[in-house]
C-alpha cells in the first residue's frame, strides 16, 4: 500500500496538494481564518520532526522513509504561541473582507471592484477611510462624481478594520474544502444553538 502511495505521488504530483494540514496557534485557534492557515503535508511533517508542532489529527494516508512510517498530519498545533498582528494590511482582499464581499452601494455580491468615495480627481486618497467595495454597475454610475452628485448612499461608512474584526469576518466565509478533522478546531468557540 505505502509503495503504491509513493508511486501515486510520483506519477501525479498534484495529489500532494490534497493533504493540507490545518495550522493552529498554541491556543488551538487557526493562525488565520481567511485565508485559512494551511501547510502542505510536507511542511507539517517537517515541523513535527523538528519538534515545532504537535500533531493533533491525521489522515488515513501514510508516507514513509526507509526507516519510519507516518500518517499524514491533518491538524497541527504550534508549540510556541505566535502573537497575531494588530496592524491590518490595506489590500484589496482585506477591503473586500471588511465590506463582507458586497457592494457598499447596492449590496450586490459577485464581481467586485473598489471605488474611491471622494474621487481621486477631487483630491480623494487611497485609504481605508475613502475606498469601498463596489460592483461594476455602481462604480460606473458613480464615476468621478461625489455621492451627492451621483445620488448614491453608502451602506456603511468606510473605516480601518481591526485585526480581530477581520478574523471574525473571515470565519463567516469558509474555504471550499474543509476536512472533517478541521471542523472542531475552526468553530469550537462559536455560539451554540439553543
N, C-alpha and C. Protein backbone atom coordinates (compact mmCIF):
# COMPACT_ATOMS: atom_id res chain seq x y z
N UNK A 1 0.83 -1.21 0.00
CA UNK A 1 0.00 0.00 0.00
C UNK A 1 0.86 1.25 0.00
N UNK A 2 1.87 1.30 0.91
CA UNK A 2 2.69 2.50 1.02
C UNK A 2 3.50 2.74 -0.25
N UNK A 3 4.02 1.66 -0.84
CA UNK A 3 4.75 1.80 -2.08
C UNK A 3 3.86 2.37 -3.18
N UNK A 4 2.60 1.90 -3.19
CA UNK A 4 1.64 2.41 -4.16
C UNK A 4 1.40 3.89 -3.93
N UNK A 5 1.33 4.28 -2.67
CA UNK A 5 1.07 5.68 -2.32
C UNK A 5 2.22 6.56 -2.82
N UNK A 6 3.46 6.13 -2.60
CA UNK A 6 4.62 6.89 -3.06
C UNK A 6 4.61 6.98 -4.59
N UNK A 7 4.31 5.87 -5.25
CA UNK A 7 4.24 5.86 -6.70
C UNK A 7 3.13 6.79 -7.18
N UNK A 8 2.01 6.79 -6.46
CA UNK A 8 0.89 7.67 -6.81
C UNK A 8 1.34 9.13 -6.76
N UNK A 9 2.10 9.52 -5.73
CA UNK A 9 2.60 10.89 -5.62
C UNK A 9 3.61 11.20 -6.72
N UNK A 10 4.45 10.21 -7.07
CA UNK A 10 5.47 10.42 -8.09
C UNK A 10 4.82 10.60 -9.46
N UNK A 11 3.82 9.81 -9.76
CA UNK A 11 3.16 9.89 -11.06
C UNK A 11 2.23 11.09 -11.16
N UNK A 12 1.61 11.49 -10.05
CA UNK A 12 0.66 12.59 -10.05
C UNK A 12 0.99 13.56 -8.92
N UNK A 13 1.99 14.44 -9.14
CA UNK A 13 2.42 15.34 -8.06
C UNK A 13 1.33 16.28 -7.56
N UNK A 14 0.28 16.53 -8.36
CA UNK A 14 -0.80 17.40 -7.90
C UNK A 14 -1.53 16.79 -6.70
N UNK A 15 -1.41 15.48 -6.51
CA UNK A 15 -2.06 14.84 -5.36
C UNK A 15 -1.40 15.25 -4.05
N UNK A 16 -0.18 15.77 -4.12
CA UNK A 16 0.48 16.26 -2.91
C UNK A 16 -0.33 17.37 -2.27
N UNK A 17 -1.05 18.13 -3.08
CA UNK A 17 -1.83 19.25 -2.57
C UNK A 17 -3.12 18.80 -1.89
N UNK A 18 -3.44 17.54 -1.99
CA UNK A 18 -4.71 17.05 -1.46
C UNK A 18 -4.67 16.76 0.03
N UNK A 19 -3.55 16.92 0.68
CA UNK A 19 -3.44 16.60 2.10
C UNK A 19 -2.87 17.76 2.91
N UNK A 20 -3.53 18.93 2.86
CA UNK A 20 -3.02 20.06 3.64
C UNK A 20 -3.27 19.86 5.13
N UNK A 21 -2.44 20.50 5.92
CA UNK A 21 -2.60 20.44 7.38
C UNK A 21 -3.09 21.79 7.88
N UNK A 22 -4.13 21.76 8.69
CA UNK A 22 -4.62 22.97 9.34
C UNK A 22 -3.62 23.33 10.43
N UNK A 23 -3.16 24.58 10.45
CA UNK A 23 -2.17 25.02 11.41
C UNK A 23 -2.85 25.86 12.50
N UNK A 24 -2.73 25.40 13.74
CA UNK A 24 -3.31 26.09 14.88
C UNK A 24 -2.22 26.75 15.69
N UNK A 25 -2.54 27.89 16.27
CA UNK A 25 -1.62 28.55 17.19
C UNK A 25 -1.59 27.73 18.47
N UNK A 26 -0.73 28.08 19.40
CA UNK A 26 -0.61 27.33 20.65
C UNK A 26 -1.90 27.38 21.48
N UNK A 27 -2.79 28.34 21.20
CA UNK A 27 -4.07 28.41 21.90
C UNK A 27 -5.16 27.61 21.19
N UNK A 28 -4.77 26.82 20.21
CA UNK A 28 -5.66 25.95 19.43
C UNK A 28 -6.64 26.71 18.55
N UNK A 29 -6.30 27.93 18.17
CA UNK A 29 -7.08 28.69 17.19
C UNK A 29 -6.25 28.75 15.92
N UNK A 30 -6.91 28.74 14.74
CA UNK A 30 -6.15 28.86 13.49
C UNK A 30 -5.36 30.17 13.46
N UNK A 31 -4.20 30.15 12.84
CA UNK A 31 -3.41 31.37 12.69
C UNK A 31 -4.21 32.41 11.93
N UNK A 32 -4.98 31.97 10.93
CA UNK A 32 -5.89 32.86 10.21
C UNK A 32 -7.07 32.03 9.72
N UNK A 33 -8.20 32.69 9.60
CA UNK A 33 -9.40 32.02 9.11
C UNK A 33 -9.60 32.24 7.61
N UNK A 34 -9.22 33.41 7.14
CA UNK A 34 -9.47 33.72 5.73
C UNK A 34 -8.33 34.55 5.21
N UNK A 35 -7.40 33.99 4.51
CA UNK A 35 -7.36 32.60 4.10
C UNK A 35 -7.03 31.69 5.26
N UNK A 36 -7.53 30.50 5.20
CA UNK A 36 -7.33 29.53 6.27
C UNK A 36 -5.86 29.15 6.34
N UNK A 37 -5.32 29.08 7.55
CA UNK A 37 -3.90 28.76 7.73
C UNK A 37 -3.67 27.27 7.47
N UNK A 38 -3.12 26.99 6.31
CA UNK A 38 -2.84 25.62 5.89
C UNK A 38 -1.39 25.49 5.46
N UNK A 39 -0.81 24.33 5.74
CA UNK A 39 0.53 23.99 5.25
C UNK A 39 0.42 22.77 4.36
N UNK A 40 1.30 22.65 3.36
CA UNK A 40 1.38 21.39 2.62
C UNK A 40 1.80 20.28 3.61
N UNK A 41 1.41 19.07 3.34
CA UNK A 41 1.70 17.99 4.29
C UNK A 41 3.19 17.84 4.56
N UNK A 42 4.04 18.15 3.56
CA UNK A 42 5.48 18.03 3.76
C UNK A 42 5.97 18.98 4.86
N UNK A 43 5.44 20.22 4.86
CA UNK A 43 5.82 21.20 5.88
C UNK A 43 5.37 20.75 7.26
N UNK A 44 4.18 20.16 7.33
CA UNK A 44 3.67 19.70 8.62
C UNK A 44 4.52 18.55 9.17
N UNK A 45 4.92 17.63 8.30
CA UNK A 45 5.77 16.51 8.73
C UNK A 45 7.13 17.05 9.18
N UNK A 46 7.69 17.96 8.40
CA UNK A 46 8.99 18.55 8.74
C UNK A 46 8.93 19.26 10.10
N UNK A 47 7.87 20.07 10.31
CA UNK A 47 7.73 20.78 11.59
C UNK A 47 7.57 19.82 12.75
N UNK A 48 6.88 18.71 12.53
CA UNK A 48 6.72 17.70 13.59
C UNK A 48 8.07 17.08 13.95
N UNK A 49 8.89 16.75 12.93
CA UNK A 49 10.20 16.16 13.19
C UNK A 49 11.15 17.15 13.84
N UNK A 50 10.98 18.44 13.56
CA UNK A 50 11.81 19.46 14.19
C UNK A 50 11.26 19.85 15.57
N UNK A 51 10.20 19.18 16.00
CA UNK A 51 9.57 19.39 17.31
C UNK A 51 9.03 20.81 17.50
N UNK A 52 8.53 21.39 16.39
CA UNK A 52 7.94 22.73 16.45
C UNK A 52 6.42 22.68 16.58
N UNK A 53 5.83 21.52 16.26
CA UNK A 53 4.38 21.35 16.35
C UNK A 53 4.04 20.00 16.97
N UNK A 54 2.82 19.91 17.47
CA UNK A 54 2.25 18.63 17.87
C UNK A 54 1.21 18.25 16.84
N UNK A 55 1.15 16.99 16.51
CA UNK A 55 0.14 16.51 15.57
C UNK A 55 -1.11 16.19 16.37
N UNK A 56 -2.22 16.81 15.98
CA UNK A 56 -3.48 16.66 16.71
C UNK A 56 -4.42 15.69 15.99
N UNK A 57 -4.39 15.70 14.67
CA UNK A 57 -5.23 14.78 13.88
C UNK A 57 -4.46 14.39 12.62
N UNK A 58 -4.83 13.22 12.08
CA UNK A 58 -4.10 12.68 10.94
C UNK A 58 -5.06 12.17 9.87
N UNK A 59 -4.57 12.14 8.63
CA UNK A 59 -5.28 11.49 7.54
C UNK A 59 -5.03 9.99 7.64
N UNK A 60 -5.78 9.21 6.89
CA UNK A 60 -5.56 7.77 6.84
C UNK A 60 -4.30 7.42 6.05
N UNK A 61 -3.95 8.26 5.07
CA UNK A 61 -2.80 8.01 4.20
C UNK A 61 -1.50 8.08 5.00
N UNK A 62 -0.54 7.29 4.57
CA UNK A 62 0.78 7.25 5.22
C UNK A 62 1.87 7.54 4.21
N UNK A 63 2.97 8.09 4.70
CA UNK A 63 4.19 8.23 3.92
C UNK A 63 5.29 7.55 4.71
N UNK A 64 6.35 7.18 4.02
CA UNK A 64 7.43 6.52 4.76
C UNK A 64 8.78 6.80 4.12
N UNK A 65 9.78 6.67 4.97
CA UNK A 65 11.16 6.73 4.52
C UNK A 65 11.70 5.31 4.69
N UNK A 66 12.97 5.08 4.44
CA UNK A 66 13.48 3.72 4.64
C UNK A 66 13.36 3.24 6.10
N UNK A 67 13.34 4.19 7.06
CA UNK A 67 13.33 3.76 8.46
C UNK A 67 12.04 4.02 9.23
N UNK A 68 11.20 4.92 8.78
CA UNK A 68 9.98 5.21 9.53
C UNK A 68 8.76 5.35 8.61
N UNK A 69 7.60 5.22 9.24
CA UNK A 69 6.34 5.39 8.54
C UNK A 69 5.49 6.34 9.38
N UNK A 70 4.80 7.28 8.73
CA UNK A 70 4.00 8.26 9.47
C UNK A 70 2.71 8.53 8.70
N UNK A 71 1.64 8.67 9.45
CA UNK A 71 0.38 9.10 8.83
C UNK A 71 0.49 10.60 8.59
N UNK A 72 -0.09 11.07 7.50
CA UNK A 72 -0.01 12.49 7.13
C UNK A 72 -0.83 13.32 8.11
N UNK A 73 -0.23 14.34 8.72
CA UNK A 73 -0.97 15.18 9.67
C UNK A 73 -2.07 16.00 8.96
N UNK A 74 -3.24 16.07 9.59
CA UNK A 74 -4.30 16.93 9.05
C UNK A 74 -4.50 18.16 9.91
N UNK A 75 -4.10 18.08 11.19
CA UNK A 75 -4.16 19.25 12.09
C UNK A 75 -2.90 19.24 12.94
N UNK A 76 -2.20 20.39 12.94
CA UNK A 76 -1.02 20.54 13.80
C UNK A 76 -1.19 21.80 14.65
N UNK A 77 -0.60 21.77 15.83
CA UNK A 77 -0.65 22.93 16.72
C UNK A 77 0.78 23.37 17.04
N UNK A 78 1.03 24.66 16.90
CA UNK A 78 2.37 25.19 17.19
C UNK A 78 2.68 25.04 18.68
N UNK A 79 3.92 24.74 18.99
CA UNK A 79 4.32 24.61 20.40
C UNK A 79 4.54 25.97 21.04
N UNK A 80 4.90 26.97 20.23
CA UNK A 80 5.09 28.32 20.74
C UNK A 80 4.03 29.23 20.17
N UNK A 81 3.44 30.06 21.03
CA UNK A 81 2.38 30.96 20.62
C UNK A 81 2.93 32.06 19.71
N UNK A 82 2.24 32.29 18.61
CA UNK A 82 2.59 33.36 17.68
C UNK A 82 1.59 34.48 17.89
N UNK A 83 2.08 35.64 18.31
CA UNK A 83 1.19 36.76 18.57
C UNK A 83 0.59 37.27 17.27
N UNK A 84 -0.76 37.34 17.19
CA UNK A 84 -1.39 37.83 15.96
C UNK A 84 -1.03 39.29 15.70
N UNK A 85 -0.97 39.62 14.41
CA UNK A 85 -0.66 41.00 14.05
C UNK A 85 -1.82 41.91 14.42
N UNK A 86 -1.49 43.09 14.91
CA UNK A 86 -2.52 44.08 15.24
C UNK A 86 -2.84 44.94 14.02
N UNK A 87 -1.82 45.20 13.22
CA UNK A 87 -2.00 46.06 12.04
C UNK A 87 -2.59 45.23 10.90
N UNK A 88 -3.59 45.80 10.26
CA UNK A 88 -4.21 45.14 9.12
C UNK A 88 -3.70 45.79 7.84
N UNK A 89 -3.14 44.97 6.97
CA UNK A 89 -2.62 45.49 5.71
C UNK A 89 -3.77 45.99 4.83
N UNK A 90 -3.55 47.10 4.16
CA UNK A 90 -4.55 47.66 3.26
C UNK A 90 -4.40 46.97 1.91
N UNK A 91 -5.14 45.89 1.73
CA UNK A 91 -5.11 45.13 0.48
C UNK A 91 -6.52 45.02 -0.08
N UNK A 92 -6.60 44.72 -1.34
CA UNK A 92 -7.90 44.54 -1.99
C UNK A 92 -8.69 43.44 -1.27
N UNK A 93 -8.02 42.33 -0.97
CA UNK A 93 -8.70 41.22 -0.29
C UNK A 93 -9.25 41.66 1.07
N UNK A 94 -8.43 42.32 1.88
CA UNK A 94 -8.89 42.76 3.21
C UNK A 94 -10.00 43.79 3.10
N UNK A 95 -9.95 44.62 2.07
CA UNK A 95 -11.02 45.59 1.84
C UNK A 95 -12.33 44.86 1.56
N UNK A 96 -12.29 43.86 0.66
CA UNK A 96 -13.49 43.09 0.36
C UNK A 96 -13.99 42.34 1.59
N UNK A 97 -13.07 41.80 2.38
CA UNK A 97 -13.45 41.10 3.60
C UNK A 97 -14.12 42.06 4.58
N UNK A 98 -13.54 43.25 4.75
CA UNK A 98 -14.14 44.27 5.63
C UNK A 98 -15.58 44.57 5.20
N UNK A 99 -15.80 44.66 3.88
CA UNK A 99 -17.11 45.01 3.35
C UNK A 99 -18.01 43.80 3.10
N UNK A 100 -17.60 42.64 3.61
CA UNK A 100 -18.44 41.45 3.51
C UNK A 100 -18.63 40.94 2.08
N UNK A 101 -17.66 41.22 1.21
CA UNK A 101 -17.72 40.80 -0.19
C UNK A 101 -19.02 41.24 -0.85
N UNK A 102 -19.45 42.46 -0.52
CA UNK A 102 -20.67 43.00 -1.15
C UNK A 102 -20.48 44.48 -1.48
N UNK A 103 -21.18 44.92 -2.50
CA UNK A 103 -21.13 46.31 -2.93
C UNK A 103 -21.66 47.20 -1.82
N UNK A 104 -20.93 48.25 -1.51
CA UNK A 104 -21.34 49.14 -0.42
C UNK A 104 -22.37 50.17 -0.87
N UNK A 105 -22.77 50.11 -2.13
CA UNK A 105 -23.83 50.99 -2.62
C UNK A 105 -25.16 50.24 -2.75
N UNK A 106 -25.13 49.05 -3.37
CA UNK A 106 -26.39 48.33 -3.61
C UNK A 106 -26.48 46.99 -2.88
N UNK A 107 -25.37 46.48 -2.35
CA UNK A 107 -25.38 45.21 -1.63
C UNK A 107 -25.14 43.99 -2.50
N UNK A 108 -24.93 44.19 -3.81
CA UNK A 108 -24.72 43.06 -4.72
C UNK A 108 -23.43 42.32 -4.35
N UNK A 109 -23.44 41.03 -4.63
CA UNK A 109 -22.26 40.19 -4.41
C UNK A 109 -21.76 39.71 -5.76
N UNK A 110 -20.57 39.23 -5.80
CA UNK A 110 -20.04 38.70 -7.06
C UNK A 110 -18.85 39.50 -7.52
N UNK A 111 -18.84 39.85 -8.79
CA UNK A 111 -17.72 40.57 -9.38
C UNK A 111 -17.61 41.96 -8.76
N UNK A 112 -16.60 42.15 -7.94
CA UNK A 112 -16.42 43.43 -7.26
C UNK A 112 -15.17 44.15 -7.74
N UNK A 113 -15.22 45.43 -7.63
CA UNK A 113 -14.07 46.30 -7.84
C UNK A 113 -14.03 47.20 -6.61
N UNK A 114 -13.22 48.22 -6.62
CA UNK A 114 -13.27 49.15 -5.49
C UNK A 114 -13.46 50.56 -6.01
N UNK A 115 -14.03 51.40 -5.16
CA UNK A 115 -14.36 52.77 -5.55
C UNK A 115 -13.84 53.75 -4.51
N UNK A 116 -13.34 54.88 -4.99
CA UNK A 116 -12.95 55.97 -4.10
C UNK A 116 -14.20 56.80 -3.82
N UNK A 117 -14.61 56.88 -2.56
CA UNK A 117 -15.81 57.63 -2.18
C UNK A 117 -15.64 59.08 -2.61
N UNK A 118 -14.56 59.71 -2.18
CA UNK A 118 -14.20 61.03 -2.70
C UNK A 118 -13.25 60.73 -3.86
N UNK A 119 -13.67 61.02 -5.09
CA UNK A 119 -12.85 60.66 -6.25
C UNK A 119 -11.44 61.22 -6.18
N UNK A 120 -10.52 60.47 -6.74
CA UNK A 120 -9.13 60.94 -6.76
C UNK A 120 -9.00 62.26 -7.50
N UNK A 121 -9.84 62.44 -8.51
CA UNK A 121 -9.81 63.70 -9.27
C UNK A 121 -10.22 64.90 -8.40
N UNK A 122 -10.90 64.62 -7.30
CA UNK A 122 -11.32 65.68 -6.37
C UNK A 122 -10.45 65.69 -5.12
N UNK A 123 -9.30 65.01 -5.18
CA UNK A 123 -8.37 65.01 -4.04
C UNK A 123 -8.53 63.83 -3.10
N UNK A 124 -9.38 62.87 -3.45
CA UNK A 124 -9.55 61.68 -2.60
C UNK A 124 -8.31 60.81 -2.60
N UNK A 125 -8.02 60.21 -1.46
CA UNK A 125 -6.83 59.37 -1.32
C UNK A 125 -7.23 57.90 -1.26
N UNK A 126 -6.27 57.05 -1.54
CA UNK A 126 -6.50 55.62 -1.44
C UNK A 126 -6.18 55.20 0.00
N UNK A 127 -7.24 55.05 0.79
CA UNK A 127 -7.08 54.70 2.20
C UNK A 127 -8.33 53.95 2.67
N UNK A 128 -8.23 53.33 3.85
CA UNK A 128 -9.37 52.64 4.44
C UNK A 128 -10.59 53.55 4.55
N UNK A 129 -10.38 54.84 4.83
CA UNK A 129 -11.47 55.77 5.07
C UNK A 129 -12.13 56.26 3.78
N UNK A 130 -11.53 55.98 2.62
CA UNK A 130 -12.06 56.54 1.38
C UNK A 130 -12.32 55.50 0.29
N UNK A 131 -12.04 54.24 0.53
CA UNK A 131 -12.22 53.21 -0.51
C UNK A 131 -13.21 52.17 -0.01
N UNK A 132 -14.13 51.77 -0.91
CA UNK A 132 -15.13 50.76 -0.58
C UNK A 132 -15.24 49.74 -1.72
N UNK A 133 -15.75 48.58 -1.39
CA UNK A 133 -16.05 47.57 -2.41
C UNK A 133 -17.28 48.03 -3.18
N UNK A 134 -17.25 47.86 -4.50
CA UNK A 134 -18.37 48.28 -5.34
C UNK A 134 -18.51 47.32 -6.51
N UNK A 135 -19.74 47.09 -6.92
CA UNK A 135 -19.97 46.30 -8.13
C UNK A 135 -19.68 47.22 -9.33
N UNK A 136 -19.44 46.62 -10.47
CA UNK A 136 -19.12 47.42 -11.66
C UNK A 136 -20.22 48.41 -12.04
N UNK A 137 -21.51 48.00 -12.04
CA UNK A 137 -22.54 48.97 -12.41
C UNK A 137 -22.57 50.20 -11.49
N UNK A 138 -22.44 49.99 -10.18
CA UNK A 138 -22.43 51.13 -9.25
C UNK A 138 -21.19 51.98 -9.43
N UNK A 139 -20.05 51.33 -9.65
CA UNK A 139 -18.81 52.06 -9.84
C UNK A 139 -18.90 52.93 -11.10
N UNK A 140 -19.46 52.38 -12.18
CA UNK A 140 -19.62 53.15 -13.41
C UNK A 140 -20.63 54.29 -13.24
N UNK A 141 -21.70 53.99 -12.52
CA UNK A 141 -22.73 55.01 -12.29
C UNK A 141 -22.17 56.19 -11.49
N UNK A 142 -21.36 55.87 -10.48
CA UNK A 142 -20.80 56.94 -9.66
C UNK A 142 -19.70 57.68 -10.41
N UNK A 143 -18.84 56.93 -11.09
CA UNK A 143 -17.75 57.55 -11.84
C UNK A 143 -16.90 58.46 -10.98
N UNK A 144 -16.62 59.65 -11.45
CA UNK A 144 -15.79 60.60 -10.70
C UNK A 144 -16.64 61.67 -10.01
N UNK A 145 -17.89 61.30 -9.72
CA UNK A 145 -18.79 62.24 -9.03
C UNK A 145 -18.76 62.00 -7.53
N UNK A 146 -19.22 62.98 -6.79
CA UNK A 146 -19.38 62.80 -5.35
C UNK A 146 -20.63 61.97 -5.11
N UNK A 147 -20.82 61.49 -3.89
CA UNK A 147 -22.02 60.73 -3.56
C UNK A 147 -23.28 61.57 -3.80
N UNK A 148 -23.21 62.85 -3.43
CA UNK A 148 -24.36 63.74 -3.62
C UNK A 148 -24.68 63.91 -5.10
N UNK A 149 -23.65 64.18 -5.90
CA UNK A 149 -23.85 64.35 -7.34
C UNK A 149 -24.40 63.10 -7.99
N UNK A 150 -23.96 61.94 -7.55
CA UNK A 150 -24.41 60.68 -8.13
C UNK A 150 -25.72 60.19 -7.51
N UNK A 151 -26.17 60.89 -6.46
CA UNK A 151 -27.39 60.49 -5.73
C UNK A 151 -27.29 59.05 -5.24
N UNK A 152 -26.15 58.76 -4.62
CA UNK A 152 -25.90 57.42 -4.10
C UNK A 152 -25.58 57.52 -2.61
N UNK A 153 -25.81 56.42 -1.90
CA UNK A 153 -25.55 56.38 -0.46
C UNK A 153 -24.75 55.13 -0.13
N UNK A 154 -23.90 55.26 0.87
CA UNK A 154 -23.13 54.11 1.34
C UNK A 154 -23.94 53.33 2.37
N UNK A 155 -23.78 52.01 2.36
CA UNK A 155 -24.45 51.17 3.34
C UNK A 155 -23.78 51.31 4.71
N UNK A 156 -22.48 51.55 4.71
CA UNK A 156 -21.76 51.82 5.97
C UNK A 156 -20.54 52.68 5.65
N UNK A 157 -20.17 53.49 6.61
CA UNK A 157 -19.03 54.40 6.42
C UNK A 157 -17.73 53.61 6.38
N UNK A 158 -16.86 53.90 5.42
CA UNK A 158 -15.57 53.19 5.36
C UNK A 158 -14.68 53.59 6.52
N UNK A 159 -13.99 52.60 7.08
CA UNK A 159 -13.10 52.83 8.21
C UNK A 159 -12.07 51.71 8.27
N UNK A 160 -10.97 51.95 8.97
CA UNK A 160 -9.98 50.88 9.11
C UNK A 160 -10.53 49.76 9.99
N UNK A 161 -10.45 48.51 9.56
CA UNK A 161 -10.93 47.41 10.40
C UNK A 161 -9.86 46.99 11.40
N UNK A 162 -10.29 46.41 12.49
CA UNK A 162 -9.35 45.84 13.45
C UNK A 162 -8.98 44.43 13.02
N UNK A 163 -7.83 43.95 13.47
CA UNK A 163 -7.37 42.61 13.10
C UNK A 163 -8.36 41.55 13.59
N UNK A 164 -8.84 41.69 14.81
CA UNK A 164 -9.79 40.72 15.36
C UNK A 164 -11.11 40.75 14.58
N UNK A 165 -11.54 41.93 14.18
CA UNK A 165 -12.76 42.07 13.37
C UNK A 165 -12.62 41.30 12.06
N UNK A 166 -11.48 41.45 11.38
CA UNK A 166 -11.29 40.73 10.12
C UNK A 166 -11.22 39.23 10.34
N UNK A 167 -10.57 38.80 11.43
CA UNK A 167 -10.52 37.36 11.73
C UNK A 167 -11.94 36.83 11.92
N UNK A 168 -12.77 37.55 12.66
CA UNK A 168 -14.14 37.10 12.89
C UNK A 168 -14.96 37.11 11.60
N UNK A 169 -14.75 38.11 10.76
CA UNK A 169 -15.47 38.14 9.47
C UNK A 169 -15.04 36.98 8.59
N UNK A 170 -13.75 36.67 8.62
CA UNK A 170 -13.23 35.57 7.81
C UNK A 170 -13.85 34.24 8.16
N UNK A 171 -14.26 34.07 9.40
CA UNK A 171 -14.88 32.81 9.84
C UNK A 171 -16.24 32.60 9.16
N UNK A 172 -16.84 33.68 8.67
CA UNK A 172 -18.15 33.57 8.01
C UNK A 172 -18.03 33.10 6.56
N UNK A 173 -16.81 33.04 6.05
CA UNK A 173 -16.57 32.66 4.66
C UNK A 173 -15.66 31.45 4.63
N UNK A 174 -16.20 30.25 4.91
CA UNK A 174 -15.33 29.06 4.95
C UNK A 174 -14.76 28.75 3.57
N UNK A 175 -13.58 28.13 3.53
CA UNK A 175 -12.99 27.77 2.25
C UNK A 175 -13.82 26.70 1.55
N UNK A 176 -13.50 26.46 0.29
CA UNK A 176 -14.24 25.47 -0.49
C UNK A 176 -14.09 24.06 0.06
N UNK A 177 -12.97 23.79 0.70
CA UNK A 177 -12.71 22.45 1.22
C UNK A 177 -12.46 22.51 2.71
N UNK A 178 -13.21 21.74 3.47
CA UNK A 178 -12.99 21.61 4.91
C UNK A 178 -12.90 20.13 5.23
N UNK A 179 -11.75 19.68 5.67
CA UNK A 179 -11.63 18.28 6.07
C UNK A 179 -12.37 18.09 7.38
N UNK A 180 -12.98 16.94 7.55
CA UNK A 180 -13.78 16.69 8.75
C UNK A 180 -12.99 16.85 10.04
N UNK A 181 -11.68 16.60 10.01
CA UNK A 181 -10.87 16.73 11.23
C UNK A 181 -10.62 18.19 11.62
N UNK A 182 -10.93 19.13 10.72
CA UNK A 182 -10.69 20.54 11.00
C UNK A 182 -11.86 21.23 11.70
N UNK A 183 -13.06 20.74 11.47
CA UNK A 183 -14.27 21.46 11.86
C UNK A 183 -14.30 21.84 13.34
N UNK A 184 -13.96 20.91 14.21
CA UNK A 184 -13.98 21.21 15.65
C UNK A 184 -13.02 22.33 16.03
N UNK A 185 -11.93 22.45 15.30
CA UNK A 185 -10.94 23.49 15.61
C UNK A 185 -11.29 24.84 15.00
N UNK A 186 -12.11 24.84 13.98
CA UNK A 186 -12.48 26.09 13.33
C UNK A 186 -13.63 26.78 14.03
N UNK A 187 -14.54 26.00 14.59
CA UNK A 187 -15.75 26.60 15.13
C UNK A 187 -16.00 26.22 16.57
N UNK A 188 -14.97 25.86 17.32
CA UNK A 188 -15.15 25.43 18.70
C UNK A 188 -15.66 26.53 19.61
N UNK A 189 -15.39 27.79 19.27
CA UNK A 189 -15.83 28.88 20.13
C UNK A 189 -17.06 29.60 19.57
N UNK A 190 -17.70 28.98 18.57
CA UNK A 190 -18.93 29.57 18.01
C UNK A 190 -20.08 29.36 18.98
N UNK A 191 -21.04 30.27 18.94
CA UNK A 191 -22.19 30.17 19.82
C UNK A 191 -23.05 28.99 19.40
N UNK A 192 -23.46 28.19 20.38
CA UNK A 192 -24.25 27.01 20.10
C UNK A 192 -25.72 27.37 20.01
N UNK A 193 -26.45 26.63 19.16
CA UNK A 193 -27.89 26.84 19.06
C UNK A 193 -28.56 26.27 20.30
N UNK A 194 -29.59 26.97 20.79
CA UNK A 194 -30.29 26.52 21.98
C UNK A 194 -31.31 25.48 21.65
